[in-house]
Amino acid sequence: MRLFEAFSKRNKFDEDLSKIIEENREDSNETPLTDQEKELLSSAMRFHDLQADEVCVPNSELAYVDIKDDFDTIIEKFKETRFNKLLVVSDNIDSLIGVVGLSDMLDYIHNKEEFALKHIIKHCTFVPENLNLPKVISQMKNNRHQIAVVVDEYGGTSGVITVKDILSEFVGDIEEEDDELQDLLKPIKKDSYLVDPRLEIDILTEKVPSFSYSVKEDEDDFETVAGLIYQLVKKIPEVGEEIIISDKWKIKILDVDPRKINKVELINTDKSKKQETEENYETA
């Protein structure tokens, strides 16, 4: 769930405002807010403060075709990804020019010789990284576009946002937050966890209190497990590679592709803490 990490960064203003509203309801003898109502209120307030770059799908995870690709190449990409829309670029992801839908491709299935991708591309809305989500949605609505491309200060592509993703994440966050965490962090033995490298270090530390890592103070500028790994080894590691991150923990690389790390195993090497680690996670 793309908004999970962003929504989990609760700020003091939201908590104070929720408390004021609750106290006001109590003073007026109104029924107290339920836990779900409190979470909805808090999420709604945080929603207005979120920026495009906090919730976009990063460019390393995007599926795209090139404007010069032929009909069969594009159809194969649709089969491979099972998406109904693909981004269209000119040479690379930083030159994103639009989106193509599978339904538009099917119009040429019996006359491939007439196919030219440039004739069926749909435009996208382009927004800066620091634009807040309500304004992103407003621009997409005004332009009647289903996808917003998030660009950095140099014009490069940071990622994309869809209205469907935003709404499904926002509404589903209350009931699905725990499920999201289970997808990112799964205990597999008494002494190890299956970890999605996108998991934030702060959340990992919260759920596994004995977790620790060691880097130089001036290099502690990452937020995720993947960032920690890149900081330590300065490259995309190979499958099977083991990385010592502290005197009590190591990471084993389980799955990578040429652009990113997909799955790792976090292993507790401190024999005296294995049982404690497991109990802490189960009761968190």
Protein backbone atom coordinates (compact mmCIF):
# COMPACT_ATOMS: atom_id res chain seq x y z
CA MET A 1 0.00 0.00 0.00
CA ARG A 2 1.74 3.13 -1.23
CA LEU A 3 0.37 5.59 1.35
CA PHE A 4 1.12 3.33 4.32
CA GLU A 5 4.53 4.81 5.11
CA ALA A 6 3.30 8.39 4.67
CA PHE A 7 0.19 7.95 6.82
CA SER A 8 2.23 6.28 9.54
CA LYS A 9 4.24 9.51 10.06
CA ARG A 10 1.80 11.05 12.52
CA ASN A 11 2.43 14.63 13.56
CA LYS A 12 1.67 16.36 16.85
CA PHE A 13 -0.73 18.86 15.29
CA ASP A 14 -3.08 16.10 14.12
CA GLU A 15 -3.08 14.47 17.55
CA ASP A 16 -3.73 17.77 19.35
CA LEU A 17 -6.56 18.74 17.00
CA SER A 18 -8.20 15.32 17.38
CA LYS A 19 -7.96 15.71 21.16
CA ILE A 20 -9.59 19.15 21.05
CA ILE A 21 -12.48 17.84 18.93
CA GLU A 22 -12.97 14.91 21.28
CA GLU A 23 -12.96 17.13 24.38
CA ASN A 24 -15.46 19.48 22.73
CA ARG A 25 -17.82 16.54 22.07
CA GLU A 26 -17.52 15.47 25.71
CA ASP A 27 -18.26 19.00 26.97
CA SER A 28 -21.40 19.14 24.80
CA ASN A 29 -22.51 15.65 25.95
CA GLU A 30 -22.21 14.22 22.45
CA THR A 31 -21.38 10.57 21.89
CA PRO A 32 -17.58 10.14 21.96
CA LEU A 33 -15.85 9.42 18.68
CA THR A 34 -15.27 5.77 17.91
CA ASP A 35 -11.72 4.57 17.19
CA GLN A 36 -12.61 4.30 13.49
CA GLU A 37 -14.01 7.85 13.43
CA LYS A 38 -10.87 9.14 15.12
CA GLU A 39 -8.69 7.39 12.56
CA LEU A 40 -10.78 8.73 9.67
CA LEU A 41 -10.49 12.25 11.07
CA SER A 42 -6.76 11.94 11.58
CA SER A 43 -6.21 10.47 8.10
CA ALA A 44 -8.26 13.24 6.51
CA MET A 45 -6.16 15.89 8.21
CA ARG A 46 -2.88 14.25 7.26
CA PHE A 47 -4.11 13.81 3.70
CA HIS A 48 -3.96 17.56 3.11
CA ASP A 49 -0.33 17.70 4.24
CA LEU A 50 0.95 14.86 2.08
CA GLN A 51 3.05 15.79 -0.95
CA ALA A 52 3.14 14.08 -4.31
CA ASP A 53 6.63 12.66 -3.82
CA GLU A 54 5.59 10.99 -0.54
CA VAL A 55 2.95 8.76 -2.10
CA CYS A 56 3.87 8.25 -5.75
CA VAL A 57 4.85 4.88 -7.15
CA PRO A 58 8.63 5.34 -7.68
CA ASN A 59 10.01 5.18 -11.22
CA SER A 60 11.96 2.00 -10.41
CA GLU A 61 8.61 0.18 -10.14
CA LEU A 62 6.95 1.61 -13.24
CA ALA A 63 6.10 -0.39 -16.35
CA TYR A 64 6.51 1.43 -19.65
CA VAL A 65 6.99 1.07 -23.39
CA ASP A 66 8.94 3.23 -25.82
CA ILE A 67 7.27 5.44 -28.40
CA LYS A 68 9.21 3.56 -31.10
CA ASP A 69 8.01 0.08 -30.03
CA ASP A 70 5.92 -1.89 -32.50
CA PHE A 71 2.49 -3.43 -31.89
CA ASP A 72 3.69 -6.91 -30.90
CA THR A 73 6.30 -5.59 -28.47
CA ILE A 74 3.72 -3.49 -26.66
CA ILE A 75 1.18 -6.33 -26.50
CA GLU A 76 3.86 -8.57 -24.97
CA LYS A 77 4.48 -5.92 -22.33
CA PHE A 78 0.77 -5.86 -21.50
CA LYS A 79 0.81 -9.66 -21.17
CA GLU A 80 3.91 -9.57 -19.00
CA THR A 81 2.65 -6.92 -16.58
CA ARG A 82 -1.09 -7.72 -16.72
CA PHE A 83 -1.79 -3.99 -16.54
CA ASN A 84 -4.52 -2.34 -18.59
CA LYS A 85 -2.45 0.82 -19.05
CA LEU A 86 1.25 1.40 -19.68
CA LEU A 87 3.36 4.53 -19.58
CA VAL A 88 4.95 5.68 -22.83
CA VAL A 89 8.47 7.13 -22.85
CA SER A 90 10.91 8.45 -25.40
CA ASP A 91 14.17 6.54 -24.77
CA ASN A 92 13.97 6.56 -20.94
CA ILE A 93 11.64 7.07 -17.98
CA ASP A 94 12.75 10.70 -17.54
CA SER A 95 11.24 11.44 -20.96
CA LEU A 96 7.73 10.26 -20.14
CA ILE A 97 5.22 11.50 -22.68
CA GLY A 98 1.92 9.80 -21.90
CA VAL A 99 0.00 6.58 -21.35
CA VAL A 100 -1.50 3.92 -23.62
CA GLY A 101 -4.48 1.71 -22.79
CA LEU A 102 -4.86 -1.93 -23.78
CA SER A 103 -8.33 -1.23 -25.19
CA ASP A 104 -6.84 1.29 -27.64
CA MET A 105 -4.29 -1.30 -28.79
CA LEU A 106 -6.98 -3.86 -29.57
CA ASP A 107 -8.41 -1.58 -32.25
CA TYR A 108 -5.33 -2.44 -34.35
CA ILE A 109 -5.23 -6.17 -33.77
CA HIS A 110 -6.35 -6.92 -37.34
CA ASN A 111 -4.43 -4.11 -39.04
CA LYS A 112 -1.05 -3.94 -37.33
CA GLU A 113 0.53 -2.33 -40.37
CA GLU A 114 -1.44 0.86 -39.66
CA PHE A 115 -0.41 0.97 -36.02
CA ALA A 116 1.60 3.92 -34.69
CA LEU A 117 1.77 4.41 -30.94
CA LYS A 118 1.92 8.20 -31.25
CA HIS A 119 -1.66 8.23 -32.58
CA ILE A 120 -3.25 6.65 -29.49
CA ILE A 121 -1.23 8.12 -26.61
CA LYS A 122 -3.26 9.80 -23.89
CA HIS A 123 -1.76 12.74 -22.05
CA CYS A 124 -0.85 12.85 -18.36
CA THR A 125 -0.87 15.63 -15.79
CA PHE A 126 2.62 16.65 -14.67
CA VAL A 127 3.02 17.88 -11.09
CA PRO A 128 6.02 18.91 -8.94
CA GLU A 129 7.17 16.73 -6.06
CA ASN A 130 6.07 19.22 -3.38
CA LEU A 131 2.45 19.68 -4.57
CA ASN A 132 -0.03 18.48 -1.94
CA LEU A 133 -2.48 15.70 -2.79
CA PRO A 134 -5.70 17.75 -2.88
CA LYS A 135 -4.10 20.01 -5.52
CA VAL A 136 -2.80 16.98 -7.43
CA ILE A 137 -6.31 15.54 -7.59
CA SER A 138 -7.75 18.93 -8.56
CA GLN A 139 -5.34 19.25 -11.50
CA MET A 140 -6.06 15.71 -12.65
CA LYS A 141 -9.79 16.39 -12.49
CA ASN A 142 -9.50 19.67 -14.40
CA ASN A 143 -7.36 18.02 -17.09
CA ARG A 144 -9.52 14.88 -17.13
CA HIS A 145 -6.42 12.73 -16.77
CA GLN A 146 -6.26 9.48 -14.81
CA ILE A 147 -2.53 9.60 -14.14
CA ALA A 148 -0.27 12.30 -12.71
CA VAL A 149 3.46 12.17 -13.35
CA VAL A 150 5.53 13.49 -10.44
CA VAL A 151 8.63 15.34 -11.65
CA ASP A 152 11.68 16.56 -9.76
CA GLU A 153 13.29 20.00 -9.98
CA TYR A 154 15.31 18.93 -13.03
CA GLY A 155 12.29 17.64 -14.94
CA GLY A 156 13.09 13.97 -14.31
CA THR A 157 10.37 11.47 -13.42
CA SER A 158 10.09 10.68 -9.71
CA GLY A 159 7.02 8.46 -10.07
CA VAL A 160 3.31 8.43 -10.88
CA ILE A 161 0.04 8.79 -8.98
CA THR A 162 -3.45 7.65 -9.99
CA VAL A 163 -6.71 8.86 -8.46
CA LYS A 164 -7.78 5.26 -7.94
CA ASP A 165 -4.64 4.51 -5.95
CA ILE A 166 -5.05 7.59 -3.78
CA LEU A 167 -8.69 6.89 -2.94
CA SER A 168 -8.26 3.17 -2.35
CA GLU A 169 -5.24 3.76 -0.13
CA PHE A 170 -6.93 6.55 1.82
CA VAL A 171 -10.20 4.70 2.44
CA GLY A 172 -8.56 1.33 2.98
CA ASP A 173 -5.80 2.52 5.27
CA ILE A 174 -7.74 1.99 8.49
CA GLU A 175 -8.51 -1.69 8.00
CA GLU A 176 -5.54 -2.66 5.86
CA GLU A 177 -2.61 -1.03 7.67
CA ASP A 178 -1.81 -4.18 9.65
CA ASP A 179 -2.10 -6.30 6.49
CA GLU A 180 0.36 -3.98 4.77
CA LEU A 181 2.85 -4.39 7.59
CA GLN A 182 2.48 -8.18 7.41
CA ASP A 183 3.38 -8.00 3.72
CA LEU A 184 6.48 -5.94 4.49
CA LEU A 185 7.67 -7.85 7.57
CA LYS A 186 7.00 -11.56 8.15
CA PRO A 187 8.57 -13.71 10.88
CA ILE A 188 9.76 -16.96 9.29
CA LYS A 189 11.86 -18.43 12.12
CA LYS A 190 12.60 -17.61 15.73
CA ASP A 191 15.64 -15.70 14.59
CA SER A 192 14.72 -14.22 11.21
CA TYR A 193 12.20 -12.20 9.21
CA LEU A 194 11.25 -11.97 5.55
CA VAL A 195 11.51 -8.27 4.71
CA ASP A 196 10.39 -6.11 1.81
CA PRO A 197 13.26 -3.61 1.35
CA ARG A 198 10.74 -0.76 1.09
CA LEU A 199 10.01 -1.17 4.82
CA GLU A 200 10.94 1.97 6.75
CA ILE A 201 13.72 1.60 9.30
CA ASP A 202 11.64 3.45 11.93
CA ILE A 203 8.78 0.96 11.57
CA LEU A 204 11.16 -2.00 11.65
CA THR A 205 12.73 -0.67 14.86
CA GLU A 206 9.27 -0.17 16.38
CA LYS A 207 8.15 -3.73 15.60
CA VAL A 208 11.49 -5.41 16.36
CA PRO A 209 12.93 -3.38 19.27
CA SER A 210 16.20 -5.33 19.40
CA PHE A 211 16.98 -4.50 15.76
CA SER A 212 20.15 -2.47 15.32
CA TYR A 213 22.50 -1.33 12.57
CA SER A 214 25.81 0.47 12.40
CA VAL A 215 26.74 3.20 9.91
CA LYS A 216 28.77 6.38 10.11
CA GLU A 217 26.85 9.30 11.59
CA ASP A 218 27.17 11.40 8.43
CA GLU A 219 25.83 8.50 6.29
CA ASP A 220 22.59 7.97 8.22
CA ASP A 221 20.44 9.71 5.61
CA PHE A 222 18.25 6.81 4.43
CA GLU A 223 14.70 5.80 5.42
CA THR A 224 14.25 2.19 4.28
CA VAL A 225 15.91 -1.19 4.57
CA ALA A 226 16.97 -0.88 0.92
CA GLY A 227 18.56 2.48 1.72
CA LEU A 228 20.51 0.90 4.58
CA ILE A 229 21.80 -1.85 2.28
CA TYR A 230 22.84 0.59 -0.45
CA GLN A 231 24.62 2.72 2.13
CA LEU A 232 26.61 -0.26 3.40
CA VAL A 233 27.59 -1.97 0.13
CA LYS A 234 27.33 0.95 -2.35
CA LYS A 235 25.80 -1.29 -5.04
CA ILE A 236 22.92 -3.63 -5.82
CA PRO A 237 24.07 -6.83 -4.06
CA GLU A 238 23.87 -10.33 -5.51
CA VAL A 239 21.39 -13.03 -4.52
CA GLY A 240 22.78 -15.03 -1.60
CA GLU A 241 25.07 -12.22 -0.44
CA GLU A 242 25.09 -11.69 3.33
CA ILE A 243 25.63 -8.22 4.78
CA ILE A 244 26.61 -7.67 8.40
CA ILE A 245 24.70 -4.63 9.65
CA SER A 246 25.61 -4.83 13.36
CA ASP A 247 27.10 -7.21 15.90
CA LYS A 248 23.62 -8.72 16.35
CA TRP A 249 22.01 -8.61 12.90
CA LYS A 250 22.78 -9.46 9.29
CA ILE A 251 20.82 -9.30 6.03
CA LYS A 252 20.74 -12.04 3.40
CA ILE A 253 19.76 -11.01 -0.14
CA LEU A 254 16.99 -13.25 -1.52
CA ASP A 255 15.83 -11.55 -4.72
CA VAL A 256 17.12 -8.71 -6.88
CA ASP A 257 16.76 -7.41 -10.41
CA PRO A 258 19.13 -5.09 -12.32
CA ARG A 259 17.52 -1.98 -10.83
CA LYS A 260 16.54 -2.79 -7.23
CA ILE A 261 16.46 -5.21 -4.30
CA ASN A 262 13.15 -7.08 -4.08
CA LYS A 263 13.35 -9.31 -1.00
CA VAL A 264 15.75 -9.92 1.89
CA GLU A 265 15.96 -11.99 5.04
CA LEU A 266 16.77 -10.22 8.30
CA ILE A 267 18.64 -12.59 10.61
CA ASN A 268 19.29 -12.17 14.33
CA THR A 269 22.79 -13.48 15.06
CA ASP A 270 22.61 -12.73 18.80
CA LYS A 271 21.73 -16.09 20.33
CA SER A 272 20.67 -14.60 23.66
CA LYS A 273 18.10 -12.31 22.05
CA LYS A 274 16.37 -14.60 19.57
CA GLN A 275 13.46 -15.57 21.80
CA GLU A 276 13.00 -12.00 23.01
CA THR A 277 12.89 -10.69 19.43
CA GLU A 278 10.18 -13.13 18.45
CA GLU A 279 8.04 -12.30 21.49
CA ASN A 280 8.38 -8.56 20.94
CA TYR A 281 7.14 -8.83 17.37
CA GLU A 282 4.20 -11.08 18.22
CA THR A 283 2.95 -8.75 20.96
CA ALA A 284 3.54 -5.51 19.05
